PDB file of N, CA and C in Angstrom:
ATOM      1  N   UNK A   1       9.662  20.381 -36.703  1.00  0.00           N
ATOM      2  CA  UNK A   1      10.434  19.617 -35.544  1.00  0.00           C
ATOM      3  C   UNK A   1      10.865  18.487 -34.847  1.00  0.00           C
ATOM      4  N   UNK A   2      11.923  18.474 -34.703  1.00  0.00           N
ATOM      5  CA  UNK A   2      12.350  17.148 -34.172  1.00  0.00           C
ATOM      6  C   UNK A   2      11.799  16.380 -33.040  1.00  0.00           C
ATOM      7  N   UNK A   3      11.393  15.153 -33.104  1.00  0.00           N
ATOM      8  CA  UNK A   3      10.614  14.876 -32.049  1.00  0.00           C
ATOM      9  C   UNK A   3      12.016  15.227 -30.564  1.00  0.00           C
ATOM     10  N   UNK A   4      13.446  15.014 -30.817  1.00  0.00           N
ATOM     11  CA  UNK A   4      14.124  15.501 -29.917  1.00  0.00           C
ATOM     12  C   UNK A   4      14.112  17.038 -29.397  1.00  0.00           C
ATOM     13  N   UNK A   5      13.703  17.866 -30.150  1.00  0.00           N
ATOM     14  CA  UNK A   5      13.521  19.187 -30.118  1.00  0.00           C
ATOM     15  C   UNK A   5      12.777  19.109 -29.124  1.00  0.00           C
ATOM     16  N   UNK A   6      11.261  18.633 -29.771  1.00  0.00           N
ATOM     17  CA  UNK A   6       9.857  18.765 -28.912  1.00  0.00           C
ATOM     18  C   UNK A   6       9.934  18.498 -27.302  1.00  0.00           C
ATOM     19  N   UNK A   7      10.185  17.506 -27.461  1.00  0.00           N
ATOM     20  CA  UNK A   7      10.938  16.951 -25.495  1.00  0.00           C
ATOM     21  C   UNK A   7      11.851  17.803 -24.887  1.00  0.00           C
ATOM     22  N   UNK A   8      12.756  18.227 -25.674  1.00  0.00           N
ATOM     23  CA  UNK A   8      13.765  18.891 -24.773  1.00  0.00           C
ATOM     24  C   UNK A   8      13.014  20.474 -24.113  1.00  0.00           C
ATOM     25  N   UNK A   9      12.142  20.866 -25.237  1.00  0.00           N
ATOM     26  CA  UNK A   9      11.626  22.166 -24.941  1.00  0.00           C
ATOM     27  C   UNK A   9      10.676  21.864 -23.710  1.00  0.00           C
ATOM     28  N   UNK A  10       9.936  20.887 -23.870  1.00  0.00           N
ATOM     29  CA  UNK A  10       8.819  20.183 -23.189  1.00  0.00           C
ATOM     30  C   UNK A  10       9.590  20.400 -21.734  1.00  0.00           C
ATOM     31  N   UNK A  11      10.435  19.510 -21.515  1.00  0.00           N
ATOM     32  CA  UNK A  11      11.625  19.200 -19.998  1.00  0.00           C
ATOM     33  C   UNK A  11      12.262  20.288 -19.462  1.00  0.00           C
ATOM     34  N   UNK A  12      12.129  21.176 -20.453  1.00  0.00           N
ATOM     35  CA  UNK A  12      12.919  22.581 -20.043  1.00  0.00           C
ATOM     36  C   UNK A  12      12.099  23.497 -19.501  1.00  0.00           C
ATOM     37  N   UNK A  13      10.816  23.566 -19.911  1.00  0.00           N
ATOM     38  CA  UNK A  13       9.772  24.476 -19.221  1.00  0.00           C
ATOM     39  C   UNK A  13       8.474  23.576 -18.276  1.00  0.00           C
ATOM     40  N   UNK A  14       7.781  22.667 -18.688  1.00  0.00           N
ATOM     41  CA  UNK A  14       6.448  22.178 -18.130  1.00  0.00           C
ATOM     42  C   UNK A  14       6.847  21.363 -17.182  1.00  0.00           C
ATOM     43  N   UNK A  15       7.941  20.635 -17.431  1.00  0.00           N
ATOM     44  CA  UNK A  15       8.366  19.159 -16.854  1.00  0.00           C
ATOM     45  C   UNK A  15       8.963  19.920 -15.407  1.00  0.00           C
ATOM     46  N   UNK A  16       9.748  20.879 -15.556  1.00  0.00           N
ATOM     47  CA  UNK A  16      10.580  21.601 -14.738  1.00  0.00           C
ATOM     48  C   UNK A  16       9.543  22.003 -13.461  1.00  0.00           C
ATOM     49  N   UNK A  17       8.696  22.585 -14.316  1.00  0.00           N
ATOM     50  CA  UNK A  17       7.512  23.283 -13.104  1.00  0.00           C
ATOM     51  C   UNK A  17       6.926  21.960 -12.561  1.00  0.00           C
ATOM     52  N   UNK A  18       6.547  21.117 -12.854  1.00  0.00           N
ATOM     53  CA  UNK A  18       5.782  20.084 -12.488  1.00  0.00           C
ATOM     54  C   UNK A  18       6.535  19.340 -11.578  1.00  0.00           C
ATOM     55  N   UNK A  19       8.001  19.158 -11.741  1.00  0.00           N
ATOM     56  CA  UNK A  19       8.832  18.699 -10.919  1.00  0.00           C
ATOM     57  C   UNK A  19       9.291  19.506  -9.410  1.00  0.00           C
ATOM     58  N   UNK A  20       9.179  20.792  -9.611  1.00  0.00           N
ATOM     59  CA  UNK A  20       9.197  21.651  -8.677  1.00  0.00           C
ATOM     60  C   UNK A  20       8.088  21.693  -7.652  1.00  0.00           C
ATOM     61  N   UNK A  21       6.665  21.588  -8.488  1.00  0.00           N
ATOM     62  CA  UNK A  21       5.796  21.575  -7.681  1.00  0.00           C
ATOM     63  C   UNK A  21       5.333  20.312  -6.983  1.00  0.00           C
ATOM     64  N   UNK A  22       5.702  19.196  -7.596  1.00  0.00           N
ATOM     65  CA  UNK A  22       5.918  17.664  -6.839  1.00  0.00           C
ATOM     66  C   UNK A  22       6.784  18.408  -5.377  1.00  0.00           C
ATOM     67  N   UNK A  23       8.356  18.480  -5.886  1.00  0.00           N
ATOM     68  CA  UNK A  23       9.417  18.845  -4.228  1.00  0.00           C
ATOM     69  C   UNK A  23       8.570  19.452  -3.376  1.00  0.00           C
ATOM     70  N   UNK A  24       8.032  20.363  -3.867  1.00  0.00           N
ATOM     71  CA  UNK A  24       6.951  21.551  -2.763  1.00  0.00           C
ATOM     72  C   UNK A  24       6.126  20.659  -2.214  1.00  0.00           C
ATOM     73  N   UNK A  25       5.482  19.789  -2.670  1.00  0.00           N
ATOM     74  CA  UNK A  25       4.295  19.174  -2.191  1.00  0.00           C
ATOM     75  C   UNK A  25       5.112  18.252  -0.872  1.00  0.00           C
ATOM     76  N   UNK A  26       6.089  17.382  -1.562  1.00  0.00           N
ATOM     77  CA  UNK A  26       6.594  16.370  -0.685  1.00  0.00           C
ATOM     78  C   UNK A  26       7.043  16.952   0.763  1.00  0.00           C
ATOM     79  N   UNK A  27       7.672  18.252   0.548  1.00  0.00           N
ATOM     80  CA  UNK A  27       7.961  19.030   1.578  1.00  0.00           C
ATOM     81  C   UNK A  27       6.986  19.514   2.265  1.00  0.00           C
ATOM     82  N   UNK A  28       5.689  19.980   1.985  1.00  0.00           N
ATOM     83  CA  UNK A  28       4.726  20.317   2.486  1.00  0.00           C
ATOM     84  C   UNK A  28       3.929  19.134   3.330  1.00  0.00           C
ATOM     85  N   UNK A  29       4.011  18.121   2.577  1.00  0.00           N
ATOM     86  CA  UNK A  29       3.418  16.826   3.055  1.00  0.00           C
ATOM     87  C   UNK A  29       3.901  16.248   4.473  1.00  0.00           C
ATOM     88  N   UNK A  30       5.374  16.665   4.302  1.00  0.00           N
ATOM     89  CA  UNK A  30       6.478  15.985   5.190  1.00  0.00           C
ATOM     90  C   UNK A  30       6.378  16.684   6.847  1.00  0.00           C
ATOM     91  N   UNK A  31       5.964  17.956   6.689  1.00  0.00           N
ATOM     92  CA  UNK A  31       5.992  18.962   7.330  1.00  0.00           C
ATOM     93  C   UNK A  31       4.460  19.433   7.988  1.00  0.00           C
ATOM     94  N   UNK A  32       3.553  18.821   7.773  1.00  0.00           N
ATOM     95  CA  UNK A  32       2.332  18.927   8.300  1.00  0.00           C
ATOM     96  C   UNK A  32       2.369  18.850   9.545  1.00  0.00           C
ATOM     97  N   UNK A  33       0.921  19.480  10.261  1.00  0.00           N
ATOM     98  CA  UNK A  33       0.904  19.632  11.490  1.00  0.00           C
ATOM     99  C   UNK A  33       0.644  18.215  12.159  1.00  0.00           C
ATOM    100  N   UNK A  34      -0.051  17.512  11.497  1.00  0.00           N
ATOM    101  CA  UNK A  34      -0.865  16.273  12.007  1.00  0.00           C
ATOM    102  C   UNK A  34       0.464  15.099  11.906  1.00  0.00           C
ATOM    103  N   UNK A  35       1.663  15.385  11.626  1.00  0.00           N
ATOM    104  CA  UNK A  35       2.881  14.217  11.156  1.00  0.00           C
ATOM    105  C   UNK A  35       3.841  14.276  12.255  1.00  0.00           C
ATOM    106  N   UNK A  36       3.454  15.024  13.212  1.00  0.00           N
ATOM    107  CA  UNK A  36       4.728  15.040  14.241  1.00  0.00           C
ATOM    108  C   UNK A  36       4.710  13.790  15.078  1.00  0.00           C
ATOM    109  N   UNK A  37       3.562  13.303  15.619  1.00  0.00           N
ATOM    110  CA  UNK A  37       3.574  11.950  16.405  1.00  0.00           C
ATOM    111  C   UNK A  37       3.970  10.522  15.273  1.00  0.00           C
ATOM    112  N   UNK A  38       4.038  10.524  13.807  1.00  0.00           N
ATOM    113  CA  UNK A  38       4.236   9.441  13.062  1.00  0.00           C
ATOM    114  C   UNK A  38       5.813   9.579  13.177  1.00  0.00           C
ATOM    115  N   UNK A  39       6.191  10.580  12.884  1.00  0.00           N
ATOM    116  CA  UNK A  39       7.844  11.182  12.623  1.00  0.00           C
ATOM    117  C   UNK A  39       8.340  10.754  13.689  1.00  0.00           C
ATOM    118  N   UNK A  40       8.234  11.222  14.892  1.00  0.00           N
ATOM    119  CA  UNK A  40       8.531  10.859  16.100  1.00  0.00           C
ATOM    120  C   UNK A  40       8.626   9.112  16.553  1.00  0.00           C
ATOM    121  N   UNK A  41       7.389   8.624  16.161  1.00  0.00           N
ATOM    122  CA  UNK A  41       7.422   7.200  16.264  1.00  0.00           C
ATOM    123  C   UNK A  41       8.465   6.427  15.360  1.00  0.00           C
ATOM    124  N   UNK A  42       8.516   7.310  14.101  1.00  0.00           N
ATOM    125  CA  UNK A  42       9.637   6.070  13.166  1.00  0.00           C
ATOM    126  C   UNK A  42      10.775   6.503  13.769  1.00  0.00           C
ATOM    127  N   UNK A  43      11.252   7.965  13.986  1.00  0.00           N
ATOM    128  CA  UNK A  43      12.476   7.945  14.685  1.00  0.00           C
ATOM    129  C   UNK A  43      12.884   7.411  15.788  1.00  0.00           C
ATOM    130  N   UNK A  44      11.958   6.870  16.888  1.00  0.00           N
ATOM    131  CA  UNK A  44      12.238   5.699  17.779  1.00  0.00           C
ATOM    132  C   UNK A  44      12.566   4.390  17.569  1.00  0.00           C
ATOM    133  N   UNK A  45      12.392   3.705  16.250  1.00  0.00           N
ATOM    134  CA  UNK A  45      12.459   2.841  15.649  1.00  0.00           C
ATOM    135  C   UNK A  45      13.676   2.034  16.206  1.00  0.00           C
ATOM    136  N   UNK A  46      15.037   2.208  16.043  1.00  0.00           N
ATOM    137  CA  UNK A  46      16.313   1.738  16.100  1.00  0.00           C
ATOM    138  C   UNK A  46      16.251   1.690  17.915  1.00  0.00           C
ATOM    139  N   UNK A  47      15.646   2.504  18.980  1.00  0.00           N
ATOM    140  CA  UNK A  47      15.793   2.538  20.066  1.00  0.00           C
ATOM    141  C   UNK A  47      14.872   1.674  20.651  1.00  0.00           C
ATOM    142  N   UNK A  48      14.091   0.721  19.818  1.00  0.00           N
ATOM    143  CA  UNK A  48      13.172  -0.284  20.176  1.00  0.00           C
ATOM    144  C   UNK A  48      13.802  -1.427  20.816  1.00  0.00           C
ATOM    145  N   UNK A  49      13.250  -2.438  21.836  1.00  0.00           N
ATOM    146  CA  UNK A  49      13.792  -3.264  22.216  1.00  0.00           C
ATOM    147  C   UNK A  49      13.104  -4.258  22.194  1.00  0.00           C
ATOM    148  N   UNK A  50      12.384  -4.924  21.013  1.00  0.00           N
ATOM    149  CA  UNK A  50      11.190  -5.525  21.302  1.00  0.00           C
ATOM    150  C   UNK A  50      11.462  -7.161  21.376  1.00  0.00           C
ATOM    151  N   UNK A  51      12.817  -7.526  21.157  1.00  0.00           N
ATOM    152  CA  UNK A  51      13.408  -8.607  21.080  1.00  0.00           C
ATOM    153  C   UNK A  51      13.125  -8.983  22.732  1.00  0.00           C
ATOM    154  N   UNK A  52      13.692  -8.401  23.612  1.00  0.00           N
ATOM    155  CA  UNK A  52      13.587  -8.251  25.228  1.00  0.00           C
ATOM    156  C   UNK A  52      12.322  -8.628  25.605  1.00  0.00           C
ATOM    157  N   UNK A  53      11.473  -8.076  25.174  1.00  0.00           N
ATOM    158  CA  UNK A  53      10.019  -8.222  25.456  1.00  0.00           C
ATOM    159  C   UNK A  53       9.602  -9.502  24.941  1.00  0.00           C
ATOM    160  N   UNK A  54      10.030  -9.931  24.010  1.00  0.00           N
ATOM    161  CA  UNK A  54       9.448 -11.248  23.450  1.00  0.00           C
ATOM    162  C   UNK A  54      10.201 -12.413  24.472  1.00  0.00           C
ATOM    163  N   UNK A  55      11.532 -12.364  25.313  1.00  0.00           N
ATOM    164  CA  UNK A  55      11.869 -13.354  26.125  1.00  0.00           C
ATOM    165  C   UNK A  55      11.246 -13.588  27.102  1.00  0.00           C
ATOM    166  N   UNK A  56      10.844 -14.512  27.441  1.00  0.00           N
ATOM    167  CA  UNK A  56      10.025 -14.865  28.699  1.00  0.00           C
ATOM    168  C   UNK A  56      11.542 -15.539  29.981  1.00  0.00           C
ATOM    169  N   UNK A  57      12.844 -15.611  29.118  1.00  0.00           N
ATOM    170  CA  UNK A  57      13.537 -16.618  30.208  1.00  0.00           C
ATOM    171  C   UNK A  57      13.316 -17.487  30.648  1.00  0.00           C
ATOM    172  N   UNK A  58      12.662 -18.726  30.060  1.00  0.00           N
ATOM    173  CA  UNK A  58      12.344 -19.932  30.427  1.00  0.00           C
ATOM    174  C   UNK A  58      13.232 -20.761  30.137  1.00  0.00           C
ATOM    175  N   UNK A  59      13.903 -20.528  29.137  1.00  0.00           N
ATOM    176  CA  UNK A  59      15.282 -21.625  28.778  1.00  0.00           C
ATOM    177  C   UNK A  59      16.138 -21.916  29.542  1.00  0.00           C
ATOM    178  N   UNK A  60      16.678 -22.691  29.597  1.00  0.00           N
ATOM    179  CA  UNK A  60      17.753 -23.253  30.579  1.00  0.00           C
ATOM    180  C   UNK A  60      19.110 -22.081  30.788  1.00  0.00           C
ATOM    181  N   UNK A  61      19.918 -21.839  29.779  1.00  0.00           N
ATOM    182  CA  UNK A  61      20.964 -21.046  29.408  1.00  0.00           C
ATOM    183  C   UNK A  61      20.354 -19.857  28.469  1.00  0.00           C
ATOM    184  N   UNK A  62      19.569 -18.892  28.893  1.00  0.00           N
ATOM    185  CA  UNK A  62      19.258 -17.556  27.822  1.00  0.00           C
ATOM    186  C   UNK A  62      20.232 -17.045  27.659  1.00  0.00           C
ATOM    187  N   UNK A  63      20.473 -17.143  26.194  1.00  0.00           N
ATOM    188  CA  UNK A  63      21.537 -16.357  25.559  1.00  0.00           C
ATOM    189  C   UNK A  63      21.063 -15.052  24.425  1.00  0.00           C
ATOM    190  N   UNK A  64      19.719 -14.631  24.856  1.00  0.00           N
ATOM    191  CA  UNK A  64      18.591 -13.526  23.927  1.00  0.00           C
ATOM    192  C   UNK A  64      19.602 -12.451  24.175  1.00  0.00           C
ATOM    193  N   UNK A  65      20.490 -11.854  25.112  1.00  0.00           N
ATOM    194  CA  UNK A  65      20.798 -10.755  25.237  1.00  0.00           C
ATOM    195  C   UNK A  65      20.003  -9.650  25.876  1.00  0.00           C
ATOM    196  N   UNK A  66      18.803 -10.286  26.334  1.00  0.00           N
ATOM    197  CA  UNK A  66      17.939  -9.259  27.151  1.00  0.00           C
ATOM    198  C   UNK A  66      18.152  -9.023  28.621  1.00  0.00           C
ATOM    199  N   UNK A  67      18.163  -7.646  28.940  1.00  0.00           N
ATOM    200  CA  UNK A  67      18.612  -7.438  30.272  1.00  0.00           C
ATOM    201  C   UNK A  67      17.880  -8.223  31.573  1.00  0.00           C
ATOM    202  N   UNK A  68      16.963  -8.731  31.283  1.00  0.00           N
ATOM    203  CA  UNK A  68      16.207  -9.831  32.192  1.00  0.00           C
ATOM    204  C   UNK A  68      17.145 -11.017  32.628  1.00  0.00           C
ATOM    205  N   UNK A  69      18.144 -11.203  30.910  1.00  0.00           N
ATOM    206  CA  UNK A  69      19.035 -12.617  31.283  1.00  0.00           C
ATOM    207  C   UNK A  69      20.197 -12.461  31.721  1.00  0.00           C
ATOM    208  N   UNK A  70      20.502 -11.309  31.972  1.00  0.00           N
ATOM    209  CA  UNK A  70      22.175 -11.025  32.419  1.00  0.00           C
ATOM    210  C   UNK A  70      21.996 -10.832  33.968  1.00  0.00           C
ATOM    211  N   UNK A  71      22.772 -11.864  34.694  1.00  0.00           N
ATOM    212  CA  UNK A  71      22.832 -12.214  35.894  1.00  0.00           C
ATOM    213  C   UNK A  71      23.674 -11.084  36.740  1.00  0.00           C
ATOM    214  N   UNK A  72      23.300 -10.672  37.366  1.00  0.00           N
ATOM    215  CA  UNK A  72      24.331  -9.191  38.357  1.00  0.00           C
ATOM    216  C   UNK A  72      25.144 -10.486  39.479  1.00  0.00           C
ATOM    217  N   UNK A  73      26.077  -9.853  39.317  1.00  0.00           N
ATOM    218  CA  UNK A  73      26.920 -10.505  40.365  1.00  0.00           C
ATOM    219  C   UNK A  73      26.512  -9.771  41.886  1.00  0.00           C
ATOM    220  N   UNK A  74      26.659 -11.159  42.684  1.00  0.00           N
ATOM    221  CA  UNK A  74      26.188 -10.214  44.336  1.00  0.00           C
ATOM    222  C   UNK A  74      27.523  -9.942  45.372  1.00  0.00           C
TER     223      UNK A  74
END
């Protein structure tokens, strides 16, 4: 047998089974019961505003864009 034929038979049988098991394992790992908190924390990353917490508004003309730096007209 040629090398190509042997590798082709391996890819058509056992490697396909291995890829399917890996795919199912990744899905089960992502949906495990203990990962809810981790997924919720990761989903909230774009909504965090860490730069506003770091600003102390100590500069004379603060342009950091934090809510505390915006002056509300009276």
